[in-house]
Amino acid sequence: MSDEEDETLAAGVREALRMVIDPELGENVVDLGLIYQVSVGHDGTAQIQMTTTTRACPATGYLKDAVQSAAWIVNGIHDVEIRLTYEPPWTPEMMNADAKRSLGLVETGSNA
């Protein structure tokens, strides 16, 4: 595969990961900022670096399995490697604006 094809596959994997919903927060792992890096090697191996909201997160196993399953559905992915990390530690600032708004962490408009 070419570098361009690898990048296209990585984008497809990242989009597929939006189907994985954190069971505690009710938002997808991409918008929550739990996915730190997605890359795809020339052999079709997706390498995903991710975290959880805390080291003691009870949903860690579920999230890893769900991320792996979601990546597998992307046509052209032949293997999936998940690397769980806590560096840097996750903070709410890592969420995108949609997730923050959905969770009530930003104002949605003025009251005027």
PDB file of N, CA and C in Angstrom:
ATOM      1  N   MET A   1       0.831  -1.180   0.000  1.00  0.00           N
ATOM      2  CA  MET A   1       0.000   0.000   0.000  1.00  0.00           C
ATOM      3  C   MET A   1       0.880   1.249   0.000  1.00  0.00           C
ATOM      4  N   SER A   2       0.368   2.309  -0.571  1.00  0.00           N
ATOM      5  CA  SER A   2       1.087   3.580  -0.587  1.00  0.00           C
ATOM      6  C   SER A   2       0.799   4.349   0.698  1.00  0.00           C
ATOM      7  N   ASP A   3       1.595   5.388   0.939  1.00  0.00           N
ATOM      8  CA  ASP A   3       1.357   6.239   2.112  1.00  0.00           C
ATOM      9  C   ASP A   3      -0.023   6.871   2.049  1.00  0.00           C
ATOM     10  N   GLU A   4      -0.445   7.265   0.847  1.00  0.00           N
ATOM     11  CA  GLU A   4      -1.765   7.880   0.681  1.00  0.00           C
ATOM     12  C   GLU A   4      -2.874   6.896   1.039  1.00  0.00           C
ATOM     13  N   GLU A   5      -2.714   5.639   0.609  1.00  0.00           N
ATOM     14  CA  GLU A   5      -3.707   4.611   0.942  1.00  0.00           C
ATOM     15  C   GLU A   5      -3.736   4.363   2.451  1.00  0.00           C
ATOM     16  N   ASP A   6      -2.540   4.356   3.075  1.00  0.00           N
ATOM     17  CA  ASP A   6      -2.466   4.167   4.524  1.00  0.00           C
ATOM     18  C   ASP A   6      -3.203   5.290   5.253  1.00  0.00           C
ATOM     19  N   GLU A   7      -3.007   6.520   4.803  1.00  0.00           N
ATOM     20  CA  GLU A   7      -3.672   7.667   5.427  1.00  0.00           C
ATOM     21  C   GLU A   7      -5.183   7.599   5.237  1.00  0.00           C
ATOM     22  N   THR A   8      -5.616   7.151   4.068  1.00  0.00           N
ATOM     23  CA  THR A   8      -7.049   7.009   3.803  1.00  0.00           C
ATOM     24  C   THR A   8      -7.648   5.941   4.720  1.00  0.00           C
ATOM     25  N   LEU A   9      -6.938   4.830   4.878  1.00  0.00           N
ATOM     26  CA  LEU A   9      -7.412   3.778   5.777  1.00  0.00           C
ATOM     27  C   LEU A   9      -7.447   4.275   7.219  1.00  0.00           C
ATOM     28  N   ALA A  10      -6.426   5.007   7.638  1.00  0.00           N
ATOM     29  CA  ALA A  10      -6.393   5.538   9.009  1.00  0.00           C
ATOM     30  C   ALA A  10      -7.583   6.460   9.248  1.00  0.00           C
ATOM     31  N   ALA A  11      -7.917   7.297   8.269  1.00  0.00           N
ATOM     32  CA  ALA A  11      -9.083   8.169   8.392  1.00  0.00           C
ATOM     33  C   ALA A  11     -10.363   7.340   8.489  1.00  0.00           C
ATOM     34  N   GLY A  12     -10.433   6.253   7.728  1.00  0.00           N
ATOM     35  CA  GLY A  12     -11.589   5.368   7.788  1.00  0.00           C
ATOM     36  C   GLY A  12     -11.716   4.689   9.140  1.00  0.00           C
ATOM     37  N   VAL A  13     -10.581   4.283   9.711  1.00  0.00           N
ATOM     38  CA  VAL A  13     -10.594   3.671  11.047  1.00  0.00           C
ATOM     39  C   VAL A  13     -11.067   4.694  12.070  1.00  0.00           C
ATOM     40  N   ARG A  14     -10.522   5.903  12.016  1.00  0.00           N
ATOM     41  CA  ARG A  14     -10.912   6.950  12.971  1.00  0.00           C
ATOM     42  C   ARG A  14     -12.428   7.199  12.877  1.00  0.00           C
ATOM     43  N   GLU A  15     -12.963   7.222  11.666  1.00  0.00           N
ATOM     44  CA  GLU A  15     -14.405   7.433  11.491  1.00  0.00           C
ATOM     45  C   GLU A  15     -15.190   6.252  12.067  1.00  0.00           C
ATOM     46  N   ALA A  16     -14.712   5.033  11.842  1.00  0.00           N
ATOM     47  CA  ALA A  16     -15.383   3.842  12.380  1.00  0.00           C
ATOM     48  C   ALA A  16     -15.387   3.857  13.904  1.00  0.00           C
ATOM     49  N   LEU A  17     -14.354   4.419  14.512  1.00  0.00           N
ATOM     50  CA  LEU A  17     -14.270   4.463  15.970  1.00  0.00           C
ATOM     51  C   LEU A  17     -15.336   5.362  16.575  1.00  0.00           C
ATOM     52  N   ARG A  18     -15.946   6.212  15.771  1.00  0.00           N
ATOM     53  CA  ARG A  18     -17.039   7.056  16.270  1.00  0.00           C
ATOM     54  C   ARG A  18     -18.260   6.216  16.669  1.00  0.00           C
ATOM     55  N   MET A  19     -18.307   4.967  16.241  1.00  0.00           N
ATOM     56  CA  MET A  19     -19.403   4.074  16.630  1.00  0.00           C
ATOM     57  C   MET A  19     -19.239   3.569  18.061  1.00  0.00           C
ATOM     58  N   VAL A  20     -18.034   3.702  18.618  1.00  0.00           N
ATOM     59  CA  VAL A  20     -17.768   3.197  19.965  1.00  0.00           C
ATOM     60  C   VAL A  20     -18.163   4.263  20.975  1.00  0.00           C
ATOM     61  N   ILE A  21     -19.159   3.936  21.770  1.00  0.00           N
ATOM     62  CA  ILE A  21     -19.714   4.876  22.749  1.00  0.00           C
ATOM     63  C   ILE A  21     -19.222   4.502  24.148  1.00  0.00           C
ATOM     64  N   ASP A  22     -18.651   5.477  24.835  1.00  0.00           N
ATOM     65  CA  ASP A  22     -18.248   5.262  26.223  1.00  0.00           C
ATOM     66  C   ASP A  22     -19.527   5.050  27.040  1.00  0.00           C
ATOM     67  N   PRO A  23     -19.649   3.905  27.721  1.00  0.00           N
ATOM     68  CA  PRO A  23     -20.905   3.605  28.415  1.00  0.00           C
ATOM     69  C   PRO A  23     -21.188   4.521  29.604  1.00  0.00           C
ATOM     70  N   GLU A  24     -20.178   5.153  30.148  1.00  0.00           N
ATOM     71  CA  GLU A  24     -20.395   6.035  31.290  1.00  0.00           C
ATOM     72  C   GLU A  24     -20.758   7.457  30.861  1.00  0.00           C
ATOM     73  N   LEU A  25     -20.150   7.931  29.769  1.00  0.00           N
ATOM     74  CA  LEU A  25     -20.376   9.308  29.334  1.00  0.00           C
ATOM     75  C   LEU A  25     -21.367   9.432  28.186  1.00  0.00           C
ATOM     76  N   GLY A  26     -21.630   8.333  27.481  1.00  0.00           N
ATOM     77  CA  GLY A  26     -22.618   8.348  26.418  1.00  0.00           C
ATOM     78  C   GLY A  26     -22.189   9.070  25.154  1.00  0.00           C
ATOM     79  N   GLU A  27     -20.898   9.297  24.982  1.00  0.00           N
ATOM     80  CA  GLU A  27     -20.349   9.946  23.788  1.00  0.00           C
ATOM     81  C   GLU A  27     -19.331   9.013  23.153  1.00  0.00           C
ATOM     82  N   ASN A  28     -19.034   9.246  21.863  1.00  0.00           N
ATOM     83  CA  ASN A  28     -18.087   8.358  21.200  1.00  0.00           C
ATOM     84  C   ASN A  28     -16.652   8.666  21.620  1.00  0.00           C
ATOM     85  N   VAL A  29     -15.800   7.654  21.513  1.00  0.00           N
ATOM     86  CA  VAL A  29     -14.432   7.749  22.013  1.00  0.00           C
ATOM     87  C   VAL A  29     -13.577   8.759  21.254  1.00  0.00           C
ATOM     88  N   VAL A  30     -13.917   9.027  19.996  1.00  0.00           N
ATOM     89  CA  VAL A  30     -13.158  10.011  19.220  1.00  0.00           C
ATOM     90  C   VAL A  30     -13.470  11.411  19.743  1.00  0.00           C
ATOM     91  N   ASP A  31     -14.750  11.752  19.838  1.00  0.00           N
ATOM     92  CA  ASP A  31     -15.140  13.080  20.305  1.00  0.00           C
ATOM     93  C   ASP A  31     -14.710  13.324  21.752  1.00  0.00           C
ATOM     94  N   LEU A  32     -14.647  12.258  22.545  1.00  0.00           N
ATOM     95  CA  LEU A  32     -14.198  12.401  23.932  1.00  0.00           C
ATOM     96  C   LEU A  32     -12.695  12.622  24.038  1.00  0.00           C
ATOM     97  N   GLY A  33     -11.969  12.401  22.959  1.00  0.00           N
ATOM     98  CA  GLY A  33     -10.520  12.578  22.988  1.00  0.00           C
ATOM     99  C   GLY A  33      -9.772  11.381  23.551  1.00  0.00           C
ATOM    100  N   LEU A  34     -10.410  10.225  23.563  1.00  0.00           N
ATOM    101  CA  LEU A  34      -9.772   9.015  24.093  1.00  0.00           C
ATOM    102  C   LEU A  34      -8.866   8.332  23.075  1.00  0.00           C
ATOM    103  N   ILE A  35      -8.979   8.705  21.822  1.00  0.00           N
ATOM    104  CA  ILE A  35      -8.128   8.131  20.770  1.00  0.00           C
ATOM    105  C   ILE A  35      -6.997   9.106  20.513  1.00  0.00           C
ATOM    106  N   TYR A  36      -5.787   8.714  20.867  1.00  0.00           N
ATOM    107  CA  TYR A  36      -4.633   9.599  20.717  1.00  0.00           C
ATOM    108  C   TYR A  36      -4.014   9.523  19.325  1.00  0.00           C
ATOM    109  N   GLN A  37      -3.977   8.325  18.751  1.00  0.00           N
ATOM    110  CA  GLN A  37      -3.332   8.189  17.440  1.00  0.00           C
ATOM    111  C   GLN A  37      -3.898   6.978  16.713  1.00  0.00           C
ATOM    112  N   VAL A  38      -4.066   7.140  15.397  1.00  0.00           N
ATOM    113  CA  VAL A  38      -4.467   6.037  14.531  1.00  0.00           C
ATOM    114  C   VAL A  38      -3.529   6.047  13.337  1.00  0.00           C
ATOM    115  N   SER A  39      -2.896   4.912  13.081  1.00  0.00           N
ATOM    116  CA  SER A  39      -2.058   4.786  11.889  1.00  0.00           C
ATOM    117  C   SER A  39      -2.283   3.397  11.302  1.00  0.00           C
ATOM    118  N   VAL A  40      -1.970   3.280  10.023  1.00  0.00           N
ATOM    119  CA  VAL A  40      -2.111   1.990   9.345  1.00  0.00           C
ATOM    120  C   VAL A  40      -0.815   1.718   8.598  1.00  0.00           C
ATOM    121  N   GLY A  41      -0.247   0.553   8.838  1.00  0.00           N
ATOM    122  CA  GLY A  41       0.981   0.156   8.169  1.00  0.00           C
ATOM    123  C   GLY A  41       0.709  -0.337   6.758  1.00  0.00           C
ATOM    124  N   HIS A  42       1.764  -0.450   5.995  1.00  0.00           N
ATOM    125  CA  HIS A  42       1.634  -0.912   4.606  1.00  0.00           C
ATOM    126  C   HIS A  42       1.029  -2.316   4.509  1.00  0.00           C
ATOM    127  N   ASP A  43       1.101  -3.081   5.602  1.00  0.00           N
ATOM    128  CA  ASP A  43       0.537  -4.438   5.603  1.00  0.00           C
ATOM    129  C   ASP A  43      -0.935  -4.458   6.007  1.00  0.00           C
ATOM    130  N   GLY A  44      -1.533  -3.274   6.243  1.00  0.00           N
ATOM    131  CA  GLY A  44      -2.941  -3.215   6.622  1.00  0.00           C
ATOM    132  C   GLY A  44      -3.189  -3.367   8.110  1.00  0.00           C
ATOM    133  N   THR A  45      -2.137  -3.217   8.917  1.00  0.00           N
ATOM    134  CA  THR A  45      -2.291  -3.298  10.364  1.00  0.00           C
ATOM    135  C   THR A  45      -2.629  -1.921  10.921  1.00  0.00           C
ATOM    136  N   ALA A  46      -3.782  -1.825  11.562  1.00  0.00           N
ATOM    137  CA  ALA A  46      -4.182  -0.583  12.223  1.00  0.00           C
ATOM    138  C   ALA A  46      -3.537  -0.557  13.596  1.00  0.00           C
ATOM    139  N   GLN A  47      -2.867   0.536  13.901  1.00  0.00           N
ATOM    140  CA  GLN A  47      -2.252   0.731  15.209  1.00  0.00           C
ATOM    141  C   GLN A  47      -2.965   1.909  15.870  1.00  0.00           C
ATOM    142  N   ILE A  48      -3.593   1.617  16.997  1.00  0.00           N
ATOM    143  CA  ILE A  48      -4.415   2.610  17.674  1.00  0.00           C
ATOM    144  C   ILE A  48      -3.873   2.825  19.074  1.00  0.00           C
ATOM    145  N   GLN A  49      -3.555   4.074  19.377  1.00  0.00           N
ATOM    146  CA  GLN A  49      -3.136   4.440  20.723  1.00  0.00           C
ATOM    147  C   GLN A  49      -4.312   5.148  21.373  1.00  0.00           C
ATOM    148  N   MET A  50      -4.711   4.656  22.530  1.00  0.00           N
ATOM    149  CA  MET A  50      -5.896   5.193  23.188  1.00  0.00           C
ATOM    150  C   MET A  50      -5.699   5.261  24.696  1.00  0.00           C
ATOM    151  N   THR A  51      -6.630   5.908  25.351  1.00  0.00           N
ATOM    152  CA  THR A  51      -6.618   5.997  26.800  1.00  0.00           C
ATOM    153  C   THR A  51      -8.042   5.806  27.299  1.00  0.00           C
ATOM    154  N   THR A  52      -8.195   5.876  28.600  1.00  0.00           N
ATOM    155  CA  THR A  52      -9.513   5.907  29.217  1.00  0.00           C
ATOM    156  C   THR A  52      -9.540   7.131  30.136  1.00  0.00           C
ATOM    157  N   THR A  53     -10.703   7.469  30.638  1.00  0.00           N
ATOM    158  CA  THR A  53     -10.821   8.685  31.435  1.00  0.00           C
ATOM    159  C   THR A  53     -10.024   8.596  32.732  1.00  0.00           C
ATOM    160  N   THR A  54      -9.879   7.391  33.277  1.00  0.00           N
ATOM    161  CA  THR A  54      -9.068   7.171  34.483  1.00  0.00           C
ATOM    162  C   THR A  54      -8.386   5.820  34.376  1.00  0.00           C
ATOM    163  N   ARG A  55      -7.321   5.632  35.134  1.00  0.00           N
ATOM    164  CA  ARG A  55      -6.631   4.329  35.139  1.00  0.00           C
ATOM    165  C   ARG A  55      -7.549   3.214  35.655  1.00  0.00           C
ATOM    166  N   ALA A  56      -8.436   3.539  36.550  1.00  0.00           N
ATOM    167  CA  ALA A  56      -9.324   2.536  37.149  1.00  0.00           C
ATOM    168  C   ALA A  56     -10.662   2.443  36.436  1.00  0.00           C
ATOM    169  N   CYS A  57     -10.751   2.932  35.212  1.00  0.00           N
ATOM    170  CA  CYS A  57     -12.006   2.938  34.468  1.00  0.00           C
ATOM    171  C   CYS A  57     -12.555   1.508  34.353  1.00  0.00           C
ATOM    172  N   PRO A  58     -13.763   1.275  34.846  1.00  0.00           N
ATOM    173  CA  PRO A  58     -14.331  -0.073  34.775  1.00  0.00           C
ATOM    174  C   PRO A  58     -14.677  -0.512  33.349  1.00  0.00           C
ATOM    175  N   ALA A  59     -14.700   0.423  32.412  1.00  0.00           N
ATOM    176  CA  ALA A  59     -15.055   0.093  31.030  1.00  0.00           C
ATOM    177  C   ALA A  59     -13.835  -0.134  30.147  1.00  0.00           C
ATOM    178  N   THR A  60     -12.641  -0.199  30.714  1.00  0.00           N
ATOM    179  CA  THR A  60     -11.421  -0.324  29.913  1.00  0.00           C
ATOM    180  C   THR A  60     -11.477  -1.515  28.968  1.00  0.00           C
ATOM    181  N   GLY A  61     -11.794  -2.694  29.476  1.00  0.00           N
ATOM    182  CA  GLY A  61     -11.844  -3.900  28.638  1.00  0.00           C
ATOM    183  C   GLY A  61     -12.870  -3.766  27.529  1.00  0.00           C
ATOM    184  N   TYR A  62     -14.044  -3.268  27.881  1.00  0.00           N
ATOM    185  CA  TYR A  62     -15.094  -3.063  26.886  1.00  0.00           C
ATOM    186  C   TYR A  62     -14.628  -2.102  25.799  1.00  0.00           C
ATOM    187  N   LEU A  63     -14.044  -0.970  26.196  1.00  0.00           N
ATOM    188  CA  LEU A  63     -13.623   0.041  25.223  1.00  0.00           C
ATOM    189  C   LEU A  63     -12.544  -0.495  24.292  1.00  0.00           C
ATOM    190  N   LYS A  64     -11.564  -1.209  24.839  1.00  0.00           N
ATOM    191  CA  LYS A  64     -10.509  -1.785  23.986  1.00  0.00           C
ATOM    192  C   LYS A  64     -11.099  -2.772  22.982  1.00  0.00           C
ATOM    193  N   ASP A  65     -11.976  -3.652  23.450  1.00  0.00           N
ATOM    194  CA  ASP A  65     -12.605  -4.637  22.558  1.00  0.00           C
ATOM    195  C   ASP A  65     -13.457  -3.950  21.494  1.00  0.00           C
ATOM    196  N   ALA A  66     -14.212  -2.935  21.904  1.00  0.00           N
ATOM    197  CA  ALA A  66     -15.090  -2.240  20.965  1.00  0.00           C
ATOM    198  C   ALA A  66     -14.275  -1.467  19.926  1.00  0.00           C
ATOM    199  N   VAL A  67     -13.178  -0.837  20.345  1.00  0.00           N
ATOM    200  CA  VAL A  67     -12.303  -0.127  19.406  1.00  0.00           C
ATOM    201  C   VAL A  67     -11.702  -1.115  18.411  1.00  0.00           C
ATOM    202  N   GLN A  68     -11.259  -2.246  18.892  1.00  0.00           N
ATOM    203  CA  GLN A  68     -10.690  -3.256  18.004  1.00  0.00           C
ATOM    204  C   GLN A  68     -11.739  -3.745  17.004  1.00  0.00           C
ATOM    205  N   SER A  69     -12.933  -4.046  17.469  1.00  0.00           N
ATOM    206  CA  SER A  69     -14.001  -4.512  16.585  1.00  0.00           C
ATOM    207  C   SER A  69     -14.370  -3.463  15.541  1.00  0.00           C
ATOM    208  N   ALA A  70     -14.457  -2.204  15.959  1.00  0.00           N
ATOM    209  CA  ALA A  70     -14.811  -1.134  15.024  1.00  0.00           C
ATOM    210  C   ALA A  70     -13.747  -0.980  13.949  1.00  0.00           C
ATOM    211  N   ALA A  71     -12.484  -1.077  14.322  1.00  0.00           N
ATOM    212  CA  ALA A  71     -11.401  -0.952  13.341  1.00  0.00           C
ATOM    213  C   ALA A  71     -11.440  -2.095  12.329  1.00  0.00           C
ATOM    214  N   TRP A  72     -11.800  -3.273  12.788  1.00  0.00           N
ATOM    215  CA  TRP A  72     -11.852  -4.447  11.902  1.00  0.00           C
ATOM    216  C   TRP A  72     -12.868  -4.298  10.772  1.00  0.00           C
ATOM    217  N   ILE A  73     -13.899  -3.485  10.957  1.00  0.00           N
ATOM    218  CA  ILE A  73     -14.929  -3.391   9.916  1.00  0.00           C
ATOM    219  C   ILE A  73     -14.473  -2.578   8.703  1.00  0.00           C
ATOM    220  N   VAL A  74     -13.355  -1.877   8.840  1.00  0.00           N
ATOM    221  CA  VAL A  74     -12.864  -1.052   7.736  1.00  0.00           C
ATOM    222  C   VAL A  74     -12.218  -1.957   6.693  1.00  0.00           C
ATOM    223  N   ASN A  75     -12.725  -1.863   5.477  1.00  0.00           N
ATOM    224  CA  ASN A  75     -12.197  -2.672   4.382  1.00  0.00           C
ATOM    225  C   ASN A  75     -10.730  -2.321   4.150  1.00  0.00           C
ATOM    226  N   GLY A  76      -9.861  -3.329   4.148  1.00  0.00           N
ATOM    227  CA  GLY A  76      -8.433  -3.116   3.950  1.00  0.00           C
ATOM    228  C   GLY A  76      -7.632  -3.285   5.227  1.00  0.00           C
ATOM    229  N   ILE A  77      -8.307  -3.359   6.367  1.00  0.00           N
ATOM    230  CA  ILE A  77      -7.615  -3.594   7.636  1.00  0.00           C
ATOM    231  C   ILE A  77      -7.480  -5.104   7.825  1.00  0.00           C
ATOM    232  N   HIS A  78      -6.236  -5.544   8.042  1.00  0.00           N
ATOM    233  CA  HIS A  78      -5.964  -6.981   8.169  1.00  0.00           C
ATOM    234  C   HIS A  78      -5.596  -7.391   9.591  1.00  0.00           C
ATOM    235  N   ASP A  79      -5.245  -6.426  10.418  1.00  0.00           N
ATOM    236  CA  ASP A  79      -4.911  -6.699  11.813  1.00  0.00           C
ATOM    237  C   ASP A  79      -5.104  -5.397  12.589  1.00  0.00           C
ATOM    238  N   VAL A  80      -5.333  -5.520  13.887  1.00  0.00           N
ATOM    239  CA  VAL A  80      -5.532  -4.336  14.728  1.00  0.00           C
ATOM    240  C   VAL A  80      -4.697  -4.506  15.996  1.00  0.00           C
ATOM    241  N   GLU A  81      -3.904  -3.491  16.285  1.00  0.00           N
ATOM    242  CA  GLU A  81      -3.110  -3.466  17.510  1.00  0.00           C
ATOM    243  C   GLU A  81      -3.553  -2.256  18.341  1.00  0.00           C
ATOM    244  N   ILE A  82      -3.929  -2.525  19.589  1.00  0.00           N
ATOM    245  CA  ILE A  82      -4.373  -1.469  20.497  1.00  0.00           C
ATOM    246  C   ILE A  82      -3.283  -1.246  21.537  1.00  0.00           C
ATOM    247  N   ARG A  83      -2.910  -0.003  21.722  1.00  0.00           N
ATOM    248  CA  ARG A  83      -1.955   0.342  22.775  1.00  0.00           C
ATOM    249  C   ARG A  83      -2.640   1.307  23.732  1.00  0.00           C
ATOM    250  N   LEU A  84      -2.830   0.846  24.959  1.00  0.00           N
ATOM    251  CA  LEU A  84      -3.452   1.667  25.988  1.00  0.00           C
ATOM    252  C   LEU A  84      -2.368   2.463  26.706  1.00  0.00           C
ATOM    253  N   THR A  85      -2.564   3.747  26.832  1.00  0.00           N
ATOM    254  CA  THR A  85      -1.585   4.602  27.500  1.00  0.00           C
ATOM    255  C   THR A  85      -2.296   5.599  28.405  1.00  0.00           C
ATOM    256  N   TYR A  86      -1.567   6.071  29.390  1.00  0.00           N
ATOM    257  CA  TYR A  86      -2.099   7.118  30.268  1.00  0.00           C
ATOM    258  C   TYR A  86      -1.175   8.333  30.259  1.00  0.00           C
ATOM    259  N   GLU A  87      -0.361   8.412  29.237  1.00  0.00           N
ATOM    260  CA  GLU A  87       0.536   9.560  29.047  1.00  0.00           C
ATOM    261  C   GLU A  87       0.255  10.161  27.684  1.00  0.00           C
ATOM    262  N   PRO A  88      -0.242  11.336  27.582  1.00  0.00           N
ATOM    263  CA  PRO A  88      -0.624  12.173  28.715  1.00  0.00           C
ATOM    264  C   PRO A  88      -1.938  11.695  29.312  1.00  0.00           C
ATOM    265  N   PRO A  89      -2.159  12.004  30.585  1.00  0.00           N
ATOM    266  CA  PRO A  89      -3.435  11.628  31.184  1.00  0.00           C
ATOM    267  C   PRO A  89      -4.590  12.391  30.519  1.00  0.00           C
ATOM    268  N   TRP A  90      -5.715  11.696  30.374  1.00  0.00           N
ATOM    269  CA  TRP A  90      -6.889  12.316  29.757  1.00  0.00           C
ATOM    270  C   TRP A  90      -7.441  13.403  30.675  1.00  0.00           C
ATOM    271  N   THR A  91      -7.885  14.489  30.059  1.00  0.00           N
ATOM    272  CA  THR A  91      -8.583  15.550  30.769  1.00  0.00           C
ATOM    273  C   THR A  91      -9.792  15.967  29.933  1.00  0.00           C
ATOM    274  N   PRO A  92     -10.804  16.562  30.526  1.00  0.00           N
ATOM    275  CA  PRO A  92     -11.970  16.999  29.758  1.00  0.00           C
ATOM    276  C   PRO A  92     -11.629  17.978  28.636  1.00  0.00           C
ATOM    277  N   GLU A  93     -10.517  18.679  28.750  1.00  0.00           N
ATOM    278  CA  GLU A  93     -10.111  19.605  27.694  1.00  0.00           C
ATOM    279  C   GLU A  93      -9.801  18.880  26.389  1.00  0.00           C
ATOM    280  N   MET A  94      -9.598  17.570  26.431  1.00  0.00           N
ATOM    281  CA  MET A  94      -9.295  16.791  25.230  1.00  0.00           C
ATOM    282  C   MET A  94     -10.535  16.502  24.389  1.00  0.00           C
ATOM    283  N   MET A  95     -11.709  16.746  24.950  1.00  0.00           N
ATOM    284  CA  MET A  95     -12.951  16.521  24.210  1.00  0.00           C
ATOM    285  C   MET A  95     -13.124  17.596  23.150  1.00  0.00           C
ATOM    286  N   ASN A  96     -13.784  17.227  22.046  1.00  0.00           N
ATOM    287  CA  ASN A  96     -14.088  18.260  21.056  1.00  0.00           C
ATOM    288  C   ASN A  96     -15.310  19.058  21.531  1.00  0.00           C
ATOM    289  N   ALA A  97     -15.609  20.132  20.818  1.00  0.00           N
ATOM    290  CA  ALA A  97     -16.686  21.044  21.226  1.00  0.00           C
ATOM    291  C   ALA A  97     -18.039  20.338  21.288  1.00  0.00           C
ATOM    292  N   ASP A  98     -18.299  19.413  20.350  1.00  0.00           N
ATOM    293  CA  ASP A  98     -19.587  18.710  20.352  1.00  0.00           C
ATOM    294  C   ASP A  98     -19.774  17.892  21.627  1.00  0.00           C
ATOM    295  N   ALA A  99     -18.738  17.163  22.035  1.00  0.00           N
ATOM    296  CA  ALA A  99     -18.838  16.352  23.250  1.00  0.00           C
ATOM    297  C   ALA A  99     -18.986  17.242  24.477  1.00  0.00           C
ATOM    298  N   LYS A 100     -18.219  18.321  24.533  1.00  0.00           N
ATOM    299  CA  LYS A 100     -18.330  19.240  25.674  1.00  0.00           C
ATOM    300  C   LYS A 100     -19.733  19.823  25.770  1.00  0.00           C
ATOM    301  N   ARG A 101     -20.272  20.216  24.633  1.00  0.00           N
ATOM    302  CA  ARG A 101     -21.615  20.790  24.606  1.00  0.00           C
ATOM    303  C   ARG A 101     -22.639  19.743  25.043  1.00  0.00           C
ATOM    304  N   SER A 102     -22.532  18.546  24.522  1.00  0.00           N
ATOM    305  CA  SER A 102     -23.467  17.471  24.851  1.00  0.00           C
ATOM    306  C   SER A 102     -23.449  17.134  26.337  1.00  0.00           C
ATOM    307  N   LEU A 103     -22.276  17.238  26.935  1.00  0.00           N
ATOM    308  CA  LEU A 103     -22.130  16.922  28.358  1.00  0.00           C
ATOM    309  C   LEU A 103     -22.347  18.137  29.266  1.00  0.00           C
ATOM    310  N   GLY A 104     -22.702  19.278  28.636  1.00  0.00           N
ATOM    311  CA  GLY A 104     -22.990  20.466  29.412  1.00  0.00           C
ATOM    312  C   GLY A 104     -21.765  21.182  29.946  1.00  0.00           C
ATOM    313  N   LEU A 105     -20.635  20.985  29.299  1.00  0.00           N
ATOM    314  CA  LEU A 105     -19.397  21.615  29.785  1.00  0.00           C
ATOM    315  C   LEU A 105     -19.099  22.957  29.117  1.00  0.00           C
ATOM    316  N   VAL A 106     -19.911  23.336  28.130  1.00  0.00           N
ATOM    317  CA  VAL A 106     -19.804  24.664  27.515  1.00  0.00           C
ATOM    318  C   VAL A 106     -21.209  25.213  27.360  1.00  0.00           C
ATOM    319  N   GLU A 107     -21.294  26.498  27.358  1.00  0.00           N
ATOM    320  CA  GLU A 107     -22.594  27.124  27.162  1.00  0.00           C
ATOM    321  C   GLU A 107     -23.015  26.977  25.705  1.00  0.00           C
ATOM    322  N   THR A 108     -24.281  26.706  25.479  1.00  0.00           N
ATOM    323  CA  THR A 108     -24.776  26.494  24.126  1.00  0.00           C
ATOM    324  C   THR A 108     -25.310  27.769  23.492  1.00  0.00           C
ATOM    325  N   GLY A 109     -25.403  28.827  24.240  1.00  0.00           N
ATOM    326  CA  GLY A 109     -25.899  30.097  23.688  1.00  0.00           C
ATOM    327  C   GLY A 109     -26.122  31.087  24.801  1.00  0.00           C
ATOM    328  N   SER A 110     -26.484  32.282  24.432  1.00  0.00           N
ATOM    329  CA  SER A 110     -26.709  33.298  25.461  1.00  0.00           C
ATOM    330  C   SER A 110     -28.161  33.264  25.907  1.00  0.00           C
ATOM    331  N   ASN A 111     -28.391  33.778  27.085  1.00  0.00           N
ATOM    332  CA  ASN A 111     -29.744  33.832  27.636  1.00  0.00           C
ATOM    333  C   ASN A 111     -30.412  35.176  27.357  1.00  0.00           C
ATOM    334  N   ALA A 112     -29.782  35.995  26.556  1.00  0.00           N
ATOM    335  CA  ALA A 112     -30.318  37.355  26.295  1.00  0.00           C
ATOM    336  C   ALA A 112     -31.504  37.316  25.378  1.00  0.00           C
TER     337      ALA A 112
END
